[in-house]
N, C-alpha and C. Protein backbone atom coordinates (compact mmCIF):
# COMPACT_ATOMS: atom_id res chain seq x y z
N MET A 1 0.85 -1.17 0.00
CA MET A 1 0.00 0.00 0.00
C MET A 1 0.90 1.23 0.00
N THR A 2 0.95 1.88 -1.12
CA THR A 2 1.84 3.03 -1.24
C THR A 2 1.08 4.22 -1.79
N ALA A 3 1.51 5.37 -1.38
CA ALA A 3 1.01 6.61 -1.96
C ALA A 3 2.11 7.15 -2.85
N ASP A 4 1.82 7.35 -4.11
CA ASP A 4 2.82 7.78 -5.05
C ASP A 4 2.33 9.00 -5.82
N PRO A 5 2.80 10.20 -5.44
CA PRO A 5 2.38 11.37 -6.21
C PRO A 5 3.03 11.35 -7.60
N SER A 6 2.23 11.08 -8.61
CA SER A 6 2.77 10.99 -9.96
C SER A 6 3.03 12.37 -10.56
N ASP A 7 2.35 13.35 -10.08
CA ASP A 7 2.63 14.74 -10.41
C ASP A 7 1.94 15.59 -9.35
N ASP A 8 1.99 16.89 -9.50
CA ASP A 8 1.39 17.75 -8.46
C ASP A 8 -0.13 17.78 -8.54
N ARG A 9 -0.71 17.11 -9.51
CA ARG A 9 -2.17 17.16 -9.68
C ARG A 9 -2.85 15.81 -9.49
N THR A 10 -2.11 14.72 -9.55
CA THR A 10 -2.69 13.39 -9.43
C THR A 10 -1.91 12.57 -8.41
N VAL A 11 -2.64 11.87 -7.54
CA VAL A 11 -2.02 10.97 -6.57
C VAL A 11 -2.50 9.57 -6.89
N THR A 12 -1.56 8.63 -6.92
CA THR A 12 -1.90 7.23 -7.14
C THR A 12 -1.69 6.46 -5.85
N LEU A 13 -2.72 5.74 -5.43
CA LEU A 13 -2.61 4.86 -4.27
C LEU A 13 -2.67 3.43 -4.79
N ALA A 14 -1.65 2.65 -4.52
CA ALA A 14 -1.61 1.26 -4.97
C ALA A 14 -1.91 0.36 -3.78
N TRP A 15 -3.08 -0.27 -3.81
CA TRP A 15 -3.48 -1.18 -2.75
C TRP A 15 -3.24 -2.60 -3.21
N ARG A 16 -2.83 -3.48 -2.26
CA ARG A 16 -2.48 -4.86 -2.61
C ARG A 16 -3.04 -5.83 -1.58
N GLY A 17 -3.25 -7.04 -2.03
CA GLY A 17 -3.64 -8.11 -1.12
C GLY A 17 -5.09 -8.03 -0.68
N ASP A 18 -5.34 -8.49 0.54
CA ASP A 18 -6.67 -8.49 1.11
C ASP A 18 -6.95 -7.16 1.82
N ILE A 19 -8.07 -6.55 1.48
CA ILE A 19 -8.49 -5.31 2.13
C ILE A 19 -9.61 -5.69 3.09
N ASP A 20 -9.25 -5.74 4.36
CA ASP A 20 -10.22 -6.13 5.38
C ASP A 20 -9.95 -5.33 6.65
N LEU A 21 -10.61 -5.70 7.72
CA LEU A 21 -10.54 -4.96 8.98
C LEU A 21 -9.11 -4.80 9.50
N GLU A 22 -8.24 -5.76 9.20
CA GLU A 22 -6.87 -5.69 9.70
C GLU A 22 -6.05 -4.57 9.07
N VAL A 23 -6.32 -4.20 7.84
CA VAL A 23 -5.48 -3.21 7.15
C VAL A 23 -6.22 -1.93 6.79
N VAL A 24 -7.52 -1.91 6.98
CA VAL A 24 -8.32 -0.79 6.47
C VAL A 24 -7.93 0.56 7.10
N HIS A 25 -7.48 0.55 8.35
CA HIS A 25 -7.07 1.81 8.98
C HIS A 25 -5.94 2.48 8.19
N HIS A 26 -4.98 1.68 7.74
CA HIS A 26 -3.85 2.23 6.97
C HIS A 26 -4.32 2.82 5.64
N LEU A 27 -5.27 2.16 5.02
CA LEU A 27 -5.80 2.66 3.75
C LEU A 27 -6.57 3.96 3.95
N ARG A 28 -7.33 4.01 5.04
CA ARG A 28 -8.08 5.23 5.36
C ARG A 28 -7.11 6.40 5.56
N VAL A 29 -6.04 6.17 6.29
CA VAL A 29 -5.03 7.21 6.52
C VAL A 29 -4.40 7.65 5.21
N ASP A 30 -4.02 6.69 4.37
CA ASP A 30 -3.43 7.03 3.05
C ASP A 30 -4.39 7.88 2.23
N LEU A 31 -5.65 7.50 2.23
CA LEU A 31 -6.66 8.22 1.44
C LEU A 31 -6.88 9.63 1.99
N LEU A 32 -6.98 9.76 3.31
CA LEU A 32 -7.18 11.08 3.91
C LEU A 32 -5.97 11.98 3.67
N GLU A 33 -4.76 11.43 3.74
CA GLU A 33 -3.56 12.22 3.46
C GLU A 33 -3.54 12.68 2.00
N ALA A 34 -3.94 11.80 1.12
CA ALA A 34 -3.99 12.17 -0.30
C ALA A 34 -5.00 13.29 -0.52
N LEU A 35 -6.16 13.19 0.10
CA LEU A 35 -7.19 14.23 -0.03
C LEU A 35 -6.71 15.56 0.56
N ALA A 36 -5.99 15.50 1.66
CA ALA A 36 -5.50 16.72 2.31
C ALA A 36 -4.50 17.47 1.45
N GLY A 37 -3.82 16.74 0.56
CA GLY A 37 -2.84 17.38 -0.32
C GLY A 37 -3.46 18.22 -1.42
N GLY A 38 -4.78 18.13 -1.59
CA GLY A 38 -5.47 18.94 -2.58
C GLY A 38 -5.15 18.64 -4.03
N PRO A 39 -5.04 17.37 -4.41
CA PRO A 39 -4.76 17.07 -5.82
C PRO A 39 -5.99 17.31 -6.68
N ARG A 40 -5.82 17.28 -7.98
CA ARG A 40 -6.96 17.34 -8.91
C ARG A 40 -7.63 15.98 -9.01
N ALA A 41 -6.83 14.91 -8.82
CA ALA A 41 -7.37 13.56 -8.98
C ALA A 41 -6.62 12.58 -8.07
N ILE A 42 -7.35 11.55 -7.67
CA ILE A 42 -6.77 10.42 -6.94
C ILE A 42 -7.14 9.16 -7.71
N PHE A 43 -6.15 8.34 -8.00
CA PHE A 43 -6.35 7.09 -8.69
C PHE A 43 -5.97 5.96 -7.74
N VAL A 44 -6.92 5.06 -7.47
CA VAL A 44 -6.66 3.93 -6.59
C VAL A 44 -6.47 2.70 -7.46
N ASP A 45 -5.25 2.18 -7.45
CA ASP A 45 -4.92 1.00 -8.23
C ASP A 45 -5.34 -0.24 -7.45
N LEU A 46 -6.36 -0.94 -7.95
CA LEU A 46 -6.87 -2.15 -7.31
C LEU A 46 -6.40 -3.42 -8.02
N SER A 47 -5.49 -3.29 -8.96
CA SER A 47 -5.12 -4.44 -9.80
C SER A 47 -4.52 -5.59 -9.00
N GLU A 48 -3.95 -5.32 -7.84
CA GLU A 48 -3.36 -6.39 -7.04
C GLU A 48 -4.14 -6.65 -5.75
N VAL A 49 -5.39 -6.19 -5.70
CA VAL A 49 -6.26 -6.48 -4.55
C VAL A 49 -6.99 -7.78 -4.84
N THR A 50 -6.85 -8.74 -3.95
CA THR A 50 -7.44 -10.05 -4.15
C THR A 50 -8.78 -10.21 -3.44
N TYR A 51 -9.02 -9.40 -2.41
CA TYR A 51 -10.26 -9.49 -1.63
C TYR A 51 -10.53 -8.14 -0.99
N MET A 52 -11.81 -7.74 -0.95
CA MET A 52 -12.18 -6.52 -0.25
C MET A 52 -13.52 -6.77 0.44
N ASP A 53 -13.52 -6.59 1.78
CA ASP A 53 -14.76 -6.78 2.52
C ASP A 53 -15.54 -5.47 2.59
N SER A 54 -16.66 -5.49 3.30
CA SER A 54 -17.53 -4.32 3.36
C SER A 54 -16.85 -3.13 4.02
N VAL A 55 -15.93 -3.38 4.94
CA VAL A 55 -15.21 -2.28 5.58
C VAL A 55 -14.32 -1.57 4.56
N GLY A 56 -13.65 -2.33 3.72
CA GLY A 56 -12.83 -1.75 2.66
C GLY A 56 -13.66 -0.98 1.66
N LEU A 57 -14.80 -1.56 1.29
CA LEU A 57 -15.71 -0.86 0.38
C LEU A 57 -16.18 0.45 0.99
N GLY A 58 -16.44 0.43 2.31
CA GLY A 58 -16.87 1.65 3.00
C GLY A 58 -15.82 2.74 2.96
N VAL A 59 -14.56 2.36 3.14
CA VAL A 59 -13.46 3.34 3.07
C VAL A 59 -13.37 3.93 1.67
N LEU A 60 -13.48 3.08 0.68
CA LEU A 60 -13.42 3.55 -0.71
C LEU A 60 -14.57 4.50 -1.02
N LEU A 61 -15.77 4.14 -0.59
CA LEU A 61 -16.94 4.99 -0.83
C LEU A 61 -16.83 6.30 -0.06
N SER A 62 -16.41 6.24 1.18
CA SER A 62 -16.24 7.45 1.99
C SER A 62 -15.21 8.38 1.35
N GLY A 63 -14.12 7.80 0.86
CA GLY A 63 -13.09 8.61 0.18
C GLY A 63 -13.63 9.26 -1.07
N TRP A 64 -14.44 8.50 -1.82
CA TRP A 64 -15.04 9.05 -3.04
C TRP A 64 -15.96 10.23 -2.69
N LYS A 65 -16.76 10.08 -1.64
CA LYS A 65 -17.66 11.17 -1.23
C LYS A 65 -16.88 12.41 -0.80
N ARG A 66 -15.82 12.20 -0.01
CA ARG A 66 -14.99 13.34 0.42
C ARG A 66 -14.33 14.01 -0.78
N ALA A 67 -13.82 13.20 -1.69
CA ALA A 67 -13.17 13.74 -2.88
C ALA A 67 -14.16 14.56 -3.69
N ARG A 68 -15.34 14.02 -3.87
CA ARG A 68 -16.37 14.72 -4.64
C ARG A 68 -16.71 16.07 -4.00
N ALA A 69 -16.81 16.10 -2.67
CA ALA A 69 -17.10 17.34 -1.96
C ALA A 69 -15.99 18.38 -2.14
N GLN A 70 -14.77 17.91 -2.39
CA GLN A 70 -13.63 18.81 -2.59
C GLN A 70 -13.33 19.02 -4.08
N ASP A 71 -14.21 18.54 -4.95
CA ASP A 71 -14.04 18.65 -6.39
C ASP A 71 -12.76 17.96 -6.86
N ILE A 72 -12.49 16.79 -6.26
CA ILE A 72 -11.35 15.96 -6.64
C ILE A 72 -11.92 14.69 -7.27
N ALA A 73 -11.42 14.32 -8.43
CA ALA A 73 -11.86 13.08 -9.07
C ALA A 73 -11.18 11.90 -8.39
N LEU A 74 -11.97 10.91 -7.97
CA LEU A 74 -11.42 9.69 -7.41
C LEU A 74 -11.93 8.52 -8.24
N THR A 75 -11.00 7.80 -8.86
CA THR A 75 -11.36 6.63 -9.67
C THR A 75 -10.43 5.48 -9.31
N THR A 76 -10.81 4.30 -9.78
CA THR A 76 -9.99 3.11 -9.54
C THR A 76 -9.63 2.46 -10.86
N SER A 77 -8.65 1.60 -10.79
CA SER A 77 -8.36 0.75 -11.93
C SER A 77 -9.50 -0.25 -12.05
N PRO A 78 -9.67 -0.86 -13.21
CA PRO A 78 -10.72 -1.88 -13.33
C PRO A 78 -10.45 -3.03 -12.36
N PRO A 79 -11.35 -3.26 -11.43
CA PRO A 79 -11.14 -4.35 -10.48
C PRO A 79 -11.44 -5.69 -11.13
N THR A 80 -10.94 -6.74 -10.52
CA THR A 80 -11.18 -8.08 -11.04
C THR A 80 -11.73 -8.97 -9.94
N GLY A 81 -12.23 -10.12 -10.32
CA GLY A 81 -12.65 -11.15 -9.38
C GLY A 81 -13.65 -10.69 -8.34
N GLN A 82 -13.36 -11.03 -7.10
CA GLN A 82 -14.25 -10.75 -5.98
C GLN A 82 -14.46 -9.25 -5.79
N VAL A 83 -13.42 -8.46 -6.01
CA VAL A 83 -13.53 -7.01 -5.81
C VAL A 83 -14.51 -6.42 -6.82
N ARG A 84 -14.40 -6.84 -8.07
CA ARG A 84 -15.33 -6.37 -9.10
C ARG A 84 -16.77 -6.75 -8.73
N ARG A 85 -16.96 -7.99 -8.32
CA ARG A 85 -18.30 -8.47 -7.97
C ARG A 85 -18.86 -7.68 -6.79
N ALA A 86 -18.04 -7.41 -5.78
CA ALA A 86 -18.49 -6.64 -4.62
C ALA A 86 -18.91 -5.23 -5.02
N LEU A 87 -18.12 -4.59 -5.88
CA LEU A 87 -18.47 -3.25 -6.35
C LEU A 87 -19.74 -3.27 -7.18
N GLU A 88 -19.91 -4.31 -7.99
CA GLU A 88 -21.15 -4.45 -8.78
C GLU A 88 -22.36 -4.59 -7.86
N LEU A 89 -22.26 -5.46 -6.86
CA LEU A 89 -23.38 -5.69 -5.94
C LEU A 89 -23.77 -4.44 -5.17
N MET A 90 -22.77 -3.61 -4.85
CA MET A 90 -23.02 -2.38 -4.11
C MET A 90 -23.47 -1.24 -5.03
N GLY A 91 -23.42 -1.48 -6.35
CA GLY A 91 -23.78 -0.44 -7.30
C GLY A 91 -22.72 0.64 -7.43
N LEU A 92 -21.47 0.30 -7.11
CA LEU A 92 -20.40 1.29 -7.11
C LEU A 92 -19.44 1.17 -8.29
N LEU A 93 -19.56 0.10 -9.06
CA LEU A 93 -18.61 -0.11 -10.14
C LEU A 93 -18.61 1.05 -11.12
N HIS A 94 -19.79 1.52 -11.52
CA HIS A 94 -19.87 2.62 -12.50
C HIS A 94 -19.37 3.94 -11.93
N VAL A 95 -19.39 4.07 -10.61
CA VAL A 95 -18.95 5.31 -9.97
C VAL A 95 -17.44 5.33 -9.81
N LEU A 96 -16.88 4.23 -9.34
CA LEU A 96 -15.46 4.18 -9.01
C LEU A 96 -14.56 3.74 -10.15
N SER A 97 -15.09 2.95 -11.06
CA SER A 97 -14.30 2.46 -12.17
C SER A 97 -15.10 2.55 -13.46
N PRO A 98 -15.35 3.78 -13.94
CA PRO A 98 -16.23 3.96 -15.09
C PRO A 98 -15.77 3.21 -16.34
N THR A 99 -14.48 3.06 -16.56
CA THR A 99 -14.00 2.35 -17.74
C THR A 99 -14.41 0.89 -17.67
N SER A 100 -14.23 0.29 -16.51
CA SER A 100 -14.57 -1.12 -16.32
C SER A 100 -16.07 -1.33 -16.43
N ALA A 101 -16.86 -0.43 -15.89
CA ALA A 101 -18.31 -0.57 -15.89
C ALA A 101 -18.88 -0.46 -17.29
N GLY A 102 -18.18 0.22 -18.17
CA GLY A 102 -18.67 0.41 -19.53
C GLY A 102 -18.57 -0.85 -20.37
N GLN A 103 -17.84 -1.85 -19.89
CA GLN A 103 -17.69 -3.08 -20.63
C GLN A 103 -18.84 -4.02 -20.29
N ALA A 104 -19.55 -4.43 -21.27
CA ALA A 104 -20.72 -5.29 -21.07
C ALA A 104 -20.28 -6.71 -20.76
N GLU A 105 -21.14 -7.43 -20.05
CA GLU A 105 -20.90 -8.85 -19.81
C GLU A 105 -20.76 -9.54 -21.15
N GLY A 106 -19.78 -10.41 -21.25
CA GLY A 106 -19.59 -11.14 -22.49
C GLY A 106 -18.73 -10.40 -23.50
N ASP A 107 -18.44 -9.14 -23.23
CA ASP A 107 -17.58 -8.36 -24.11
C ASP A 107 -16.17 -8.96 -24.02
N PRO A 108 -15.52 -9.21 -25.14
CA PRO A 108 -14.19 -9.80 -25.11
C PRO A 108 -13.19 -8.98 -24.31
N ALA A 109 -13.40 -7.68 -24.20
CA ALA A 109 -12.49 -6.84 -23.44
C ALA A 109 -12.76 -6.92 -21.95
N SER A 110 -13.88 -7.50 -21.58
CA SER A 110 -14.27 -7.58 -20.17
C SER A 110 -13.44 -8.63 -19.46
N PRO A 111 -12.90 -8.29 -18.24
CA PRO A 111 -12.07 -9.24 -17.52
C PRO A 111 -12.85 -10.39 -16.92
N GLY A 112 -14.13 -10.33 -16.83
CA GLY A 112 -14.80 -11.44 -16.17
C GLY A 112 -16.15 -11.55 -16.64
């Protein structure tokens, strides 16, 4: 889990592994620090996240709401597997990963 300012306007947060109650505090801190820096955009890389529970989804949604209130774009990489399914069930896939959500089921470009 790293915060990597790619430029003065965009911050990339790379999350890895299982996102659950054990690690969610660290992710919340990373996200709040990124928001406090006042970037134009925050990109959360979920490509190496293998599992995300409801607590992790809550942190992601809370961060998105805070970013929106500050006029900061917060998006994610296209999630895969369980993370994608969890975002779909919560109705958040189109909000957090618009590129991924635009791919229809059965589309050859779709990861799942």
